[in-house]
Amino acid sequence: MFQLIVLIPCTGRLTKKVATIVILIFISIIVLLVVFIIMRDHQKKQELARVLKVAKIQIFSIGDIRAATENFATPPIGEGGFGRVYKVRLCIVLNFRRLHSIFMLM
């Protein structure tokens, strides 16, 4: 990704100062990149939470879905490209697909 090649002769006090400054600048850049990545990830999570709130999307845990389908014992109402489609009743009637195991590994 990044390559830093510094050719510094081993003589003189000035070269040690230059080497120290170069190393400090390199470390500072690395720290700034890490902070930027952490801030970007945090902003993405906040944006997702905002979208879910505005769209009034509710996310159900696998435990809730297993309870509603009696551990997928209810017969499926169909099958789509991603897996079987079940009809369950929670507080509202929902249709959802149970993904094939190959998609659950991603």
N, C-alpha and C. Protein backbone atom coordinates (compact mmCIF):
# COMPACT_ATOMS: atom_id res chain seq x y z
N MET A 1 0.84 -1.18 0.00
CA MET A 1 0.00 0.00 0.00
C MET A 1 0.89 1.24 0.00
N PHE A 2 1.56 1.52 1.08
CA PHE A 2 2.46 2.66 1.16
C PHE A 2 3.87 2.12 1.33
N GLN A 3 4.79 2.73 0.64
CA GLN A 3 6.19 2.37 0.82
C GLN A 3 6.96 3.64 1.13
N LEU A 4 7.68 3.59 2.20
CA LEU A 4 8.48 4.74 2.61
C LEU A 4 9.93 4.30 2.60
N ILE A 5 10.67 4.86 1.70
CA ILE A 5 12.09 4.52 1.60
C ILE A 5 12.87 5.76 1.99
N VAL A 6 13.63 5.63 3.06
CA VAL A 6 14.42 6.75 3.55
C VAL A 6 15.88 6.31 3.53
N LEU A 7 16.67 7.01 2.76
CA LEU A 7 18.10 6.74 2.70
C LEU A 7 18.80 7.82 3.50
N ILE A 8 19.27 7.42 4.66
CA ILE A 8 19.90 8.39 5.55
C ILE A 8 21.30 7.90 5.87
N PRO A 9 22.30 8.70 5.56
CA PRO A 9 23.66 8.29 5.94
C PRO A 9 23.81 8.32 7.46
N CYS A 10 24.66 7.49 7.95
CA CYS A 10 24.80 7.32 9.40
C CYS A 10 25.74 8.33 10.04
N THR A 11 26.09 9.38 9.37
CA THR A 11 27.01 10.36 9.95
C THR A 11 26.28 11.65 10.25
N GLY A 12 26.68 12.28 11.29
CA GLY A 12 26.20 13.61 11.60
C GLY A 12 24.96 13.62 12.47
N ARG A 13 24.88 14.68 13.25
CA ARG A 13 23.77 14.86 14.17
C ARG A 13 22.51 15.33 13.44
N LEU A 14 22.69 16.06 12.36
CA LEU A 14 21.56 16.57 11.58
C LEU A 14 20.77 15.43 10.95
N THR A 15 21.44 14.39 10.51
CA THR A 15 20.74 13.28 9.87
C THR A 15 19.87 12.53 10.87
N LYS A 16 20.29 12.46 12.12
CA LYS A 16 19.47 11.82 13.14
C LYS A 16 18.20 12.62 13.40
N LYS A 17 18.33 13.95 13.38
CA LYS A 17 17.16 14.80 13.57
C LYS A 17 16.19 14.64 12.41
N VAL A 18 16.74 14.59 11.19
CA VAL A 18 15.89 14.42 10.01
C VAL A 18 15.18 13.07 10.07
N ALA A 19 15.91 12.03 10.45
CA ALA A 19 15.31 10.70 10.55
C ALA A 19 14.20 10.70 11.59
N THR A 20 14.41 11.34 12.72
CA THR A 20 13.39 11.43 13.77
C THR A 20 12.16 12.16 13.26
N ILE A 21 12.36 13.25 12.55
CA ILE A 21 11.22 14.02 12.02
C ILE A 21 10.45 13.20 11.00
N VAL A 22 11.15 12.50 10.12
CA VAL A 22 10.48 11.67 9.10
C VAL A 22 9.67 10.57 9.78
N ILE A 23 10.23 9.93 10.77
CA ILE A 23 9.52 8.86 11.47
C ILE A 23 8.30 9.42 12.20
N LEU A 24 8.42 10.57 12.84
CA LEU A 24 7.29 11.18 13.53
C LEU A 24 6.18 11.57 12.55
N ILE A 25 6.55 12.08 11.39
CA ILE A 25 5.55 12.42 10.38
C ILE A 25 4.85 11.16 9.88
N PHE A 26 5.59 10.10 9.64
CA PHE A 26 5.01 8.84 9.19
C PHE A 26 4.04 8.28 10.22
N ILE A 27 4.42 8.28 11.49
CA ILE A 27 3.54 7.80 12.56
C ILE A 27 2.29 8.67 12.66
N SER A 28 2.45 9.98 12.52
CA SER A 28 1.30 10.89 12.57
C SER A 28 0.31 10.59 11.44
N ILE A 29 0.82 10.33 10.25
CA ILE A 29 -0.06 10.00 9.12
C ILE A 29 -0.82 8.71 9.40
N ILE A 30 -0.15 7.72 9.94
CA ILE A 30 -0.81 6.44 10.26
C ILE A 30 -1.91 6.67 11.30
N VAL A 31 -1.63 7.45 12.33
CA VAL A 31 -2.63 7.73 13.37
C VAL A 31 -3.83 8.46 12.78
N LEU A 32 -3.58 9.44 11.92
CA LEU A 32 -4.68 10.17 11.29
C LEU A 32 -5.53 9.25 10.41
N LEU A 33 -4.92 8.34 9.69
CA LEU A 33 -5.67 7.39 8.87
C LEU A 33 -6.56 6.49 9.72
N VAL A 34 -6.03 6.01 10.83
CA VAL A 34 -6.81 5.16 11.73
C VAL A 34 -7.99 5.93 12.30
N VAL A 35 -7.77 7.16 12.73
CA VAL A 35 -8.86 7.98 13.27
C VAL A 35 -9.91 8.23 12.19
N PHE A 36 -9.48 8.52 10.97
CA PHE A 36 -10.42 8.74 9.88
C PHE A 36 -11.27 7.50 9.62
N ILE A 37 -10.67 6.32 9.61
CA ILE A 37 -11.41 5.08 9.37
C ILE A 37 -12.42 4.83 10.48
N ILE A 38 -12.03 5.05 11.72
CA ILE A 38 -12.94 4.85 12.85
C ILE A 38 -14.11 5.82 12.78
N MET A 39 -13.83 7.08 12.45
CA MET A 39 -14.90 8.07 12.34
C MET A 39 -15.86 7.73 11.20
N ARG A 40 -15.33 7.27 10.08
CA ARG A 40 -16.16 6.91 8.93
C ARG A 40 -17.08 5.74 9.28
N ASP A 41 -16.55 4.73 9.96
CA ASP A 41 -17.38 3.59 10.36
C ASP A 41 -18.48 4.02 11.33
N HIS A 42 -18.14 4.91 12.25
CA HIS A 42 -19.13 5.41 13.20
C HIS A 42 -20.24 6.17 12.48
N GLN A 43 -19.87 6.98 11.50
CA GLN A 43 -20.87 7.74 10.73
C GLN A 43 -21.77 6.81 9.94
N LYS A 44 -21.21 5.73 9.39
CA LYS A 44 -22.03 4.76 8.65
C LYS A 44 -23.06 4.10 9.56
N LYS A 45 -22.66 3.75 10.78
CA LYS A 45 -23.58 3.14 11.73
C LYS A 45 -24.69 4.11 12.12
N GLN A 46 -24.33 5.38 12.32
CA GLN A 46 -25.34 6.39 12.65
C GLN A 46 -26.31 6.59 11.49
N GLU A 47 -25.80 6.58 10.27
CA GLU A 47 -26.66 6.75 9.09
C GLU A 47 -27.63 5.58 8.95
N LEU A 48 -27.14 4.37 9.18
CA LEU A 48 -28.00 3.19 9.12
C LEU A 48 -29.09 3.26 10.17
N ALA A 49 -28.75 3.66 11.38
CA ALA A 49 -29.74 3.79 12.45
C ALA A 49 -30.78 4.85 12.09
N ARG A 50 -30.34 5.95 11.49
CA ARG A 50 -31.26 7.01 11.08
C ARG A 50 -32.21 6.52 9.99
N VAL A 51 -31.69 5.79 9.01
CA VAL A 51 -32.52 5.28 7.92
C VAL A 51 -33.54 4.28 8.45
N LEU A 52 -33.12 3.41 9.35
CA LEU A 52 -34.04 2.43 9.92
C LEU A 52 -35.14 3.11 10.71
N LYS A 53 -34.79 4.19 11.42
CA LYS A 53 -35.78 4.91 12.21
C LYS A 53 -36.77 5.64 11.31
N VAL A 54 -36.27 6.31 10.28
CA VAL A 54 -37.13 7.07 9.37
C VAL A 54 -38.03 6.13 8.58
N ALA A 55 -37.50 5.00 8.12
CA ALA A 55 -38.27 4.06 7.32
C ALA A 55 -39.16 3.17 8.18
N LYS A 56 -39.04 3.28 9.49
CA LYS A 56 -39.81 2.47 10.44
C LYS A 56 -39.62 0.98 10.16
N ILE A 57 -38.38 0.59 9.93
CA ILE A 57 -38.03 -0.81 9.70
C ILE A 57 -37.68 -1.44 11.03
N GLN A 58 -38.27 -2.58 11.28
CA GLN A 58 -37.97 -3.29 12.51
C GLN A 58 -37.14 -4.50 12.17
N ILE A 59 -36.06 -4.70 12.89
CA ILE A 59 -35.20 -5.85 12.68
C ILE A 59 -35.50 -6.87 13.76
N PHE A 60 -35.79 -8.10 13.33
CA PHE A 60 -36.10 -9.18 14.26
C PHE A 60 -34.89 -10.07 14.42
N SER A 61 -34.69 -10.55 15.62
CA SER A 61 -33.59 -11.48 15.87
C SER A 61 -33.98 -12.86 15.37
N ILE A 62 -32.98 -13.70 15.18
CA ILE A 62 -33.26 -15.06 14.72
C ILE A 62 -34.08 -15.82 15.76
N GLY A 63 -33.91 -15.46 17.03
CA GLY A 63 -34.70 -16.10 18.09
C GLY A 63 -36.18 -15.77 17.96
N ASP A 64 -36.49 -14.49 17.66
CA ASP A 64 -37.89 -14.10 17.45
C ASP A 64 -38.49 -14.83 16.26
N ILE A 65 -37.73 -14.96 15.19
CA ILE A 65 -38.23 -15.62 13.99
C ILE A 65 -38.41 -17.11 14.24
N ARG A 66 -37.47 -17.72 14.95
CA ARG A 66 -37.62 -19.15 15.27
C ARG A 66 -38.86 -19.39 16.14
N ALA A 67 -39.10 -18.48 17.08
CA ALA A 67 -40.28 -18.62 17.94
C ALA A 67 -41.56 -18.46 17.13
N ALA A 68 -41.58 -17.51 16.20
CA ALA A 68 -42.78 -17.26 15.41
C ALA A 68 -43.07 -18.40 14.44
N THR A 69 -42.04 -19.09 13.98
CA THR A 69 -42.24 -20.19 13.03
C THR A 69 -42.16 -21.54 13.71
N GLU A 70 -42.10 -21.55 15.03
CA GLU A 70 -41.92 -22.78 15.79
C GLU A 70 -40.71 -23.55 15.28
N ASN A 71 -39.58 -22.85 15.25
CA ASN A 71 -38.30 -23.36 14.77
C ASN A 71 -38.40 -23.85 13.32
N PHE A 72 -39.10 -23.06 12.50
CA PHE A 72 -39.30 -23.32 11.08
C PHE A 72 -40.08 -24.62 10.84
N ALA A 73 -40.94 -25.00 11.80
CA ALA A 73 -41.76 -26.20 11.64
C ALA A 73 -43.01 -25.91 10.82
N THR A 74 -43.44 -24.65 10.76
CA THR A 74 -44.61 -24.32 9.95
C THR A 74 -44.26 -24.53 8.49
N PRO A 75 -45.22 -24.97 7.69
CA PRO A 75 -44.90 -25.20 6.27
C PRO A 75 -44.64 -23.88 5.55
N PRO A 76 -43.66 -23.86 4.68
CA PRO A 76 -43.40 -22.63 3.93
C PRO A 76 -44.52 -22.36 2.92
N ILE A 77 -44.73 -21.09 2.61
CA ILE A 77 -45.78 -20.74 1.66
C ILE A 77 -45.23 -20.65 0.23
N GLY A 78 -43.94 -20.82 0.07
CA GLY A 78 -43.34 -20.78 -1.25
C GLY A 78 -41.83 -20.83 -1.16
N GLU A 79 -41.21 -20.74 -2.31
CA GLU A 79 -39.75 -20.75 -2.34
C GLU A 79 -39.30 -19.75 -3.39
N GLY A 80 -38.34 -18.94 -3.02
CA GLY A 80 -37.81 -17.93 -3.93
C GLY A 80 -36.37 -18.21 -4.25
N GLY A 81 -35.74 -17.26 -4.88
CA GLY A 81 -34.35 -17.42 -5.28
C GLY A 81 -33.39 -17.49 -4.10
N PHE A 82 -33.76 -16.92 -2.96
CA PHE A 82 -32.88 -16.92 -1.79
C PHE A 82 -33.26 -17.98 -0.77
N GLY A 83 -34.39 -18.62 -0.91
CA GLY A 83 -34.77 -19.66 0.04
C GLY A 83 -36.27 -19.75 0.21
N ARG A 84 -36.69 -20.50 1.22
CA ARG A 84 -38.10 -20.70 1.50
C ARG A 84 -38.74 -19.45 2.08
N VAL A 85 -40.03 -19.25 1.79
CA VAL A 85 -40.77 -18.10 2.28
C VAL A 85 -41.80 -18.60 3.28
N TYR A 86 -41.78 -18.02 4.49
CA TYR A 86 -42.68 -18.42 5.56
C TYR A 86 -43.64 -17.27 5.86
N LYS A 87 -44.82 -17.63 6.35
CA LYS A 87 -45.78 -16.64 6.80
C LYS A 87 -45.93 -16.84 8.31
N VAL A 88 -45.73 -15.76 9.04
CA VAL A 88 -45.83 -15.84 10.49
C VAL A 88 -46.68 -14.69 10.99
N ARG A 89 -47.14 -14.79 12.22
CA ARG A 89 -47.90 -13.71 12.84
C ARG A 89 -47.16 -13.30 14.11
N LEU A 90 -46.67 -12.07 14.07
CA LEU A 90 -46.07 -11.51 15.28
C LEU A 90 -47.09 -10.52 15.83
N CYS A 91 -46.85 -9.23 15.69
CA CYS A 91 -47.91 -8.27 15.99
C CYS A 91 -48.62 -7.91 14.69
N ILE A 92 -47.96 -8.17 13.59
CA ILE A 92 -48.54 -7.96 12.27
C ILE A 92 -48.20 -9.19 11.42
N VAL A 93 -48.85 -9.34 10.30
CA VAL A 93 -48.56 -10.48 9.44
C VAL A 93 -47.36 -10.13 8.58
N LEU A 94 -46.38 -11.00 8.61
CA LEU A 94 -45.15 -10.78 7.85
C LEU A 94 -44.87 -11.97 6.96
N ASN A 95 -44.30 -11.71 5.83
CA ASN A 95 -43.73 -12.75 4.99
C ASN A 95 -42.24 -12.52 4.98
N PHE A 96 -41.47 -13.59 5.12
CA PHE A 96 -40.03 -13.44 5.06
C PHE A 96 -39.43 -14.69 4.46
N ARG A 97 -38.22 -14.55 4.02
CA ARG A 97 -37.52 -15.66 3.40
C ARG A 97 -36.44 -16.16 4.33
N ARG A 98 -36.31 -17.45 4.40
CA ARG A 98 -35.19 -18.06 5.11
C ARG A 98 -34.13 -18.34 4.06
N LEU A 99 -32.98 -17.71 4.21
CA LEU A 99 -31.93 -17.82 3.22
C LEU A 99 -31.35 -19.22 3.21
N HIS A 100 -30.94 -19.66 2.03
CA HIS A 100 -30.20 -20.90 1.94
C HIS A 100 -28.93 -20.77 2.76
N SER A 101 -28.43 -21.88 3.24
CA SER A 101 -27.26 -21.82 4.12
C SER A 101 -26.05 -21.21 3.43
N ILE A 102 -25.95 -21.31 2.12
CA ILE A 102 -24.79 -20.73 1.44
C ILE A 102 -24.78 -19.22 1.56
N PHE A 103 -25.97 -18.58 1.63
CA PHE A 103 -26.03 -17.13 1.75
C PHE A 103 -25.81 -16.70 3.21
N MET A 104 -26.07 -17.58 4.15
CA MET A 104 -25.89 -17.23 5.56
C MET A 104 -24.42 -17.19 5.93
N LEU A 105 -23.57 -17.82 5.13
CA LEU A 105 -22.15 -17.84 5.43
C LEU A 105 -21.46 -16.54 5.04
N MET A 106 -22.06 -15.74 4.19
CA MET A 106 -21.44 -14.49 3.71
C MET A 106 -21.47 -13.44 4.76
